[in-house]
Protein backbone atom coordinates (compact mmCIF):
# COMPACT_ATOMS: atom_id res chain seq x y z
CA UNK A 1 10.72 -1.58 46.48
CA UNK A 2 13.25 0.10 48.54
CA UNK A 3 14.95 -1.84 51.33
CA UNK A 4 13.82 -1.49 55.08
CA UNK A 5 16.06 -1.60 57.62
CA UNK A 6 15.18 -3.30 61.40
CA UNK A 7 17.29 -4.98 63.93
CA UNK A 8 16.45 -8.33 64.47
CA UNK A 9 17.76 -10.82 67.10
CA UNK A 10 19.54 -13.98 65.90
CA UNK A 11 17.49 -16.92 67.60
CA UNK A 12 18.62 -20.47 68.06
CA UNK A 13 16.92 -22.97 69.68
CA UNK A 14 16.87 -27.08 69.45
CA UNK A 15 14.51 -29.36 68.30
CA UNK A 16 12.99 -32.35 70.00
CA UNK A 17 15.30 -34.62 67.94
CA UNK A 18 18.62 -32.54 69.01
CA UNK A 19 19.27 -30.28 65.84
CA UNK A 20 20.14 -26.46 66.33
CA UNK A 21 17.71 -24.33 64.47
CA UNK A 22 17.96 -20.99 63.82
CA UNK A 23 15.26 -17.89 63.55
CA UNK A 24 15.41 -13.94 62.90
CA UNK A 25 13.40 -12.27 66.08
CA UNK A 26 12.30 -9.31 65.13
CA UNK A 27 11.12 -7.51 68.23
CA UNK A 28 8.83 -4.55 67.31
CA UNK A 29 7.61 -1.67 69.50
CA UNK A 30 8.39 -2.58 73.34
CA UNK A 31 4.96 -1.54 74.00
CA UNK A 32 3.13 -3.28 71.19
CA UNK A 33 -0.51 -5.08 71.98
CA UNK A 34 -0.53 -6.68 68.43
CA UNK A 35 -0.30 -10.19 67.95
CA UNK A 36 3.19 -11.35 66.62
CA UNK A 37 3.50 -12.94 63.10
CA UNK A 38 5.10 -16.44 62.28
CA UNK A 39 6.94 -16.21 58.55
CA UNK A 40 7.59 -19.63 57.13
CA UNK A 41 9.12 -20.15 53.86
CA UNK A 42 8.88 -22.30 50.80
CA UNK A 43 10.94 -25.37 50.08
CA UNK A 44 14.55 -24.19 49.14
CA UNK A 45 14.31 -20.89 50.89
CA UNK A 46 14.81 -19.38 54.40
CA UNK A 47 14.08 -16.34 56.43
CA UNK A 48 15.80 -14.00 54.14
CA UNK A 49 12.85 -14.57 51.81
CA UNK A 50 10.83 -12.21 54.52
CA UNK A 51 13.58 -9.46 55.02
CA UNK A 52 11.38 -6.74 53.59
CA UNK A 53 7.90 -7.77 54.94
CA UNK A 54 9.26 -8.46 58.37
CA UNK A 55 11.12 -5.34 58.78
CA UNK A 56 7.64 -3.34 57.64
CA UNK A 57 5.60 -5.33 60.14
CA UNK A 58 8.10 -5.18 62.51
CA UNK A 59 7.45 -1.40 62.83
CA UNK A 60 4.04 -2.67 64.83
CA UNK A 61 4.41 -5.96 65.98
CA UNK A 62 6.84 -8.79 66.76
CA UNK A 63 7.85 -10.78 63.77
CA UNK A 64 9.46 -14.59 63.84
CA UNK A 65 11.19 -15.75 60.45
CA UNK A 66 12.55 -19.07 60.46
CA UNK A 67 15.12 -21.17 58.73
CA UNK A 68 13.71 -24.64 58.48
CA UNK A 69 16.13 -27.27 59.34
CA UNK A 70 18.36 -27.98 56.41
CA UNK A 71 17.98 -24.22 55.24
CA UNK A 72 19.89 -21.19 56.30
CA UNK A 73 21.63 -21.09 59.60
CA UNK A 74 19.55 -24.19 60.88
CA UNK A 75 21.54 -27.50 61.20
CA UNK A 76 21.22 -30.19 58.35
CA UNK A 77 19.19 -33.16 59.26
CA UNK A 78 21.19 -36.54 59.04
CA UNK A 79 18.27 -38.31 58.74
CA UNK A 80 17.07 -37.46 55.29
CA UNK A 81 13.61 -38.53 55.87
CA UNK A 82 12.97 -35.87 58.39
CA UNK A 83 12.70 -33.51 55.69
CA UNK A 84 8.80 -33.36 55.82
CA UNK A 85 6.24 -30.57 56.88
CA UNK A 86 5.02 -33.10 59.63
CA UNK A 87 8.50 -32.53 61.31
CA UNK A 88 8.84 -29.08 60.19
CA UNK A 89 5.58 -28.27 62.35
CA UNK A 90 6.81 -29.67 65.28
CA UNK A 91 9.83 -27.72 65.02
CA UNK A 92 7.53 -24.39 64.95
CA UNK A 93 5.18 -25.58 67.85
CA UNK A 94 8.77 -26.13 69.73
CA UNK A 95 9.99 -22.42 68.94
CA UNK A 96 6.32 -20.91 69.74
CA UNK A 97 6.61 -22.61 72.77
CA UNK A 98 10.09 -21.64 74.02
CA UNK A 99 9.32 -17.99 72.96
CA UNK A 100 6.15 -18.27 75.15
CA UNK A 101 4.14 -17.19 72.13
CA UNK A 102 0.47 -18.42 72.95
CA UNK A 103 -1.37 -17.00 69.98
CA UNK A 104 -0.05 -15.67 66.43
CA UNK A 105 -0.58 -14.77 63.12
CA UNK A 106 1.03 -16.86 60.10
CA UNK A 107 2.56 -15.86 56.99
CA UNK A 108 3.25 -18.99 54.75
CA UNK A 109 4.83 -19.23 51.43
CA UNK A 110 4.75 -22.18 49.42
CA UNK A 111 5.64 -25.18 51.82
CA UNK A 112 5.33 -22.51 54.50
CA UNK A 113 1.38 -22.33 53.54
CA UNK A 114 1.06 -25.67 53.76
CA UNK A 115 2.48 -25.94 57.30
CA UNK A 116 -0.06 -23.45 58.03
CA UNK A 117 -2.74 -25.38 57.23
CA UNK A 118 -1.44 -28.43 59.19
CA UNK A 119 -0.63 -26.10 62.37
CA UNK A 120 -3.89 -24.22 62.32
CA UNK A 121 -5.93 -27.59 62.16
CA UNK A 122 -3.93 -29.10 65.34
CA UNK A 123 -4.07 -25.91 67.45
CA UNK A 124 -6.58 -23.79 66.07
CA UNK A 125 -6.81 -21.73 68.98
CA UNK A 126 -3.19 -20.52 69.02
CA UNK A 127 -3.89 -18.76 65.40
CA UNK A 128 -6.03 -15.54 64.47
CA UNK A 129 -5.37 -15.60 61.03
CA UNK A 130 -3.22 -16.87 58.08
CA UNK A 131 -1.60 -15.45 55.01
CA UNK A 132 -0.94 -18.45 52.36
CA UNK A 133 1.46 -17.26 49.96
CA UNK A 134 1.02 -18.69 46.31
CA UNK A 135 -0.18 -22.32 47.31
CA UNK A 136 -3.16 -24.31 48.01
CA UNK A 137 -3.79 -27.89 49.06
CA UNK A 138 -3.66 -29.14 45.37
CA UNK A 139 -0.32 -28.68 43.64
CA UNK A 140 -0.50 -27.76 39.75
CA UNK A 141 1.74 -31.01 38.30
CA UNK A 142 3.39 -28.64 35.87
CA UNK A 143 4.67 -26.22 38.63
CA UNK A 144 5.52 -29.81 40.62
CA UNK A 145 7.63 -30.91 37.76
CA UNK A 146 9.54 -27.72 37.29
CA UNK A 147 10.61 -27.79 40.89
CA UNK A 148 11.57 -31.27 40.98
CA UNK A 149 13.61 -30.26 37.85
CA UNK A 150 15.87 -27.99 39.87
CA UNK A 151 15.84 -28.65 43.51
CA UNK A 152 19.07 -30.27 44.64
CA UNK A 153 21.00 -29.31 41.08
CA UNK A 154 24.09 -27.37 40.72
CA UNK A 155 24.13 -25.46 44.07
CA UNK A 156 27.58 -23.85 43.54
CA UNK A 157 28.82 -20.82 41.81
CA UNK A 158 32.33 -19.11 41.52
CA UNK A 159 30.82 -15.33 41.63
CA UNK A 160 27.84 -13.60 42.18
CA UNK A 161 27.23 -12.94 38.45
CA UNK A 162 27.10 -16.62 38.06
CA UNK A 163 25.01 -17.10 41.03
CA UNK A 164 22.51 -14.56 39.67
CA UNK A 165 22.26 -16.09 36.13
CA UNK A 166 21.55 -19.74 37.68
CA UNK A 167 18.93 -17.86 39.83
CA UNK A 168 17.68 -16.10 36.55
CA UNK A 169 17.19 -19.39 34.60
CA UNK A 170 15.47 -21.05 37.49
CA UNK A 171 13.11 -18.05 38.32
CA UNK A 172 13.02 -16.14 35.32
CA UNK A 173 9.32 -17.19 34.72
CA UNK A 174 8.06 -15.69 37.71
CA UNK A 175 9.70 -12.33 37.94
CA UNK A 176 9.92 -11.47 34.12
CA UNK A 177 10.64 -7.82 34.89
CA UNK A 178 13.28 -7.98 37.18
CA UNK A 179 16.03 -5.68 37.34
CA UNK A 180 19.74 -6.52 37.61
CA UNK A 181 19.55 -5.05 41.11
CA UNK A 182 16.46 -6.95 41.97
CA UNK A 183 17.74 -10.21 40.73
CA UNK A 184 21.36 -9.66 42.80
CA UNK A 185 19.11 -8.62 45.88
CA UNK A 186 17.22 -12.05 45.13
CA UNK A 187 20.03 -14.08 44.67
CA UNK A 188 22.03 -13.09 47.64
CA UNK A 189 19.04 -14.48 50.01
CA UNK A 190 19.47 -17.86 47.95
CA UNK A 191 23.48 -18.15 48.29
CA UNK A 192 25.88 -17.78 51.08
CA UNK A 193 29.80 -17.29 50.74
CA UNK A 194 31.91 -20.12 51.20
CA UNK A 195 35.66 -21.03 50.64
CA UNK A 196 36.33 -20.16 46.81
CA UNK A 197 33.12 -19.49 45.92
CA UNK A 198 29.04 -19.48 46.81
CA UNK A 199 26.80 -22.24 47.58
CA UNK A 200 22.80 -22.28 47.86
CA UNK A 201 21.80 -22.33 51.39
CA UNK A 202 19.93 -25.59 51.74
CA UNK A 203 20.82 -29.42 52.12
CA UNK A 204 20.78 -30.87 48.66
CA UNK A 205 19.62 -34.06 50.31
CA UNK A 206 16.25 -32.15 50.27
CA UNK A 207 15.83 -33.27 46.97
CA UNK A 208 15.59 -36.97 47.34
CA UNK A 209 12.35 -36.93 48.89
CA UNK A 210 11.32 -34.77 46.21
CA UNK A 211 12.15 -37.04 43.70
CA UNK A 212 10.54 -40.11 45.39
CA UNK A 213 6.67 -40.38 44.46
CA UNK A 214 6.29 -42.59 47.80
CA UNK A 215 7.56 -40.23 50.47
CA UNK A 216 5.38 -37.87 52.07
CA UNK A 217 7.64 -34.65 51.30
CA UNK A 218 4.33 -33.35 49.68
CA UNK A 219 1.68 -34.51 51.40
CA UNK A 220 -0.97 -35.93 48.78
CA UNK A 221 -4.26 -34.40 49.81
CA UNK A 222 -4.33 -31.61 52.13
CA UNK A 223 -8.27 -30.60 51.48
CA UNK A 224 -9.35 -31.70 54.99
CA UNK A 225 -6.49 -29.64 56.46
CA UNK A 226 -7.80 -26.63 54.48
CA UNK A 227 -11.17 -27.31 55.63
CA UNK A 228 -10.14 -27.55 59.18
CA UNK A 229 -8.86 -23.78 58.84
CA UNK A 230 -11.36 -22.55 56.59
CA UNK A 231 -13.23 -20.64 59.78
CA UNK A 232 -10.17 -18.54 60.15
CA UNK A 233 -9.63 -15.12 58.25
CA UNK A 234 -7.34 -16.18 55.12
CA UNK A 235 -5.84 -13.95 52.59
CA UNK A 236 -4.63 -15.74 49.89
CA UNK A 237 -1.82 -14.31 47.40
CA UNK A 238 -1.54 -15.62 43.86
CA UNK A 239 0.95 -14.95 41.30
CA UNK A 240 -1.02 -14.50 38.24
CA UNK A 241 1.84 -16.34 36.05
CA UNK A 242 2.17 -19.20 39.08
CA UNK A 243 2.43 -22.67 37.87
CA UNK A 244 1.75 -24.24 40.99
CA UNK A 245 -1.76 -22.68 42.26
CA UNK A 246 -4.39 -23.16 39.54
CA UNK A 247 -7.82 -21.35 39.25
CA UNK A 248 -9.56 -24.22 39.86
CA UNK A 249 -7.91 -24.85 43.28
CA UNK A 250 -8.59 -21.37 44.35
CA UNK A 251 -12.05 -21.27 43.50
CA UNK A 252 -12.53 -24.58 45.48
CA UNK A 253 -10.83 -22.99 48.33
CA UNK A 254 -13.29 -19.90 48.28
CA UNK A 255 -16.32 -22.53 48.53
CA UNK A 256 -14.90 -23.60 51.36
CA UNK A 257 -13.78 -20.98 52.82
CA UNK A 258 -16.23 -17.72 53.22
CA UNK A 259 -13.49 -15.77 55.25
CA UNK A 260 -11.00 -16.05 52.10
CA UNK A 261 -9.84 -12.98 50.56
CA UNK A 262 -8.05 -13.53 47.26
CA UNK A 263 -5.14 -10.70 45.97
CA UNK A 264 -3.63 -11.39 42.46
CA UNK A 265 -0.31 -10.30 41.94
CA UNK A 266 0.70 -9.17 38.32
CA UNK A 267 3.79 -10.05 36.53
CA UNK A 268 4.51 -12.48 39.55
CA UNK A 269 5.00 -16.61 39.39
CA UNK A 270 5.67 -18.80 41.92
CA UNK A 271 5.76 -17.00 44.42
CA UNK A 272 5.54 -12.86 45.11
CA UNK A 273 8.22 -11.72 47.09
CA UNK A 274 5.26 -10.22 49.53
CA UNK A 275 7.58 -6.82 48.98
CA UNK A 276 4.86 -5.84 46.43
CA UNK A 277 3.06 -2.64 47.28
CA UNK A 278 -0.10 -4.00 46.70
CA UNK A 279 0.50 -6.98 48.65
CA UNK A 280 2.11 -4.94 51.41
CA UNK A 281 -1.09 -2.46 51.67
CA UNK A 282 -2.87 -6.02 51.41
CA UNK A 283 -1.37 -7.58 54.36
CA UNK A 284 -1.47 -4.65 56.50
CA UNK A 285 -5.37 -4.13 56.01
CA UNK A 286 -5.96 -7.75 56.83
CA UNK A 287 -4.09 -7.83 60.11
CA UNK A 288 -5.66 -4.37 61.00
CA UNK A 289 -8.90 -5.80 60.49
CA UNK A 290 -8.08 -9.15 62.75
CA UNK A 291 -6.64 -6.51 65.23
CA UNK A 292 -9.89 -4.77 65.13
CA UNK A 293 -11.88 -7.99 65.68
CA UNK A 294 -9.92 -9.18 69.10
């Protein structure tokens, strides 16, 4: 899919414990009465993941795309044990309060989808619907082991060609038909330029909690939280090649939530980039249905 251009404002804010955090604020039309969208990324990713879908949605509504602490342009946390969904959720509520957003829609990819389950359970009245991208209350052990295998690994490259090859080695299974141009665009969202080369745009310390089975970096049981959000409209996007979201988990989610709509994305693993045409149409239709019901 072609790039979409849209202006966004840099928004910096301070967390409750004093970190300087960052979000992209796509204002949308001045006269828009539609609910804004909060976009939350996966474990090692950042606001750039949503560049296309955020720009697209900003044609009709406001969109906020975040860098969680330790990612992108947000400050790294010197207290490694703060790298948990519970902490990130507190940051998100601080951001929404500061932006005076009383009610919103959510798009959550992977870890961002787990966060959406926590947030909608804690403050259900604040959210009107959720797009969950390739994640569920249970994580497939195969995919979890794959993620543990690369998080915190080599995070530097001397050139964009080298960075692309590193990215392709990790994510090639999820995007088997990507072109060279698509791989470069994907990679540019993951790395940043530093003196003498490139580095991944996240704190390597995140890996410490991922590899500590006793930590709560990945909550052990999210089914109660999913049950708490089950009455909300939910669009579940699943890559057909995913190794994180098993169909057995999807089927249980469907049993619990009568409002859940499933979209399977061909030739995508973990996780779809949300610029796929069928995904864009599905998100547009999903949000339009919520708009009409309000």
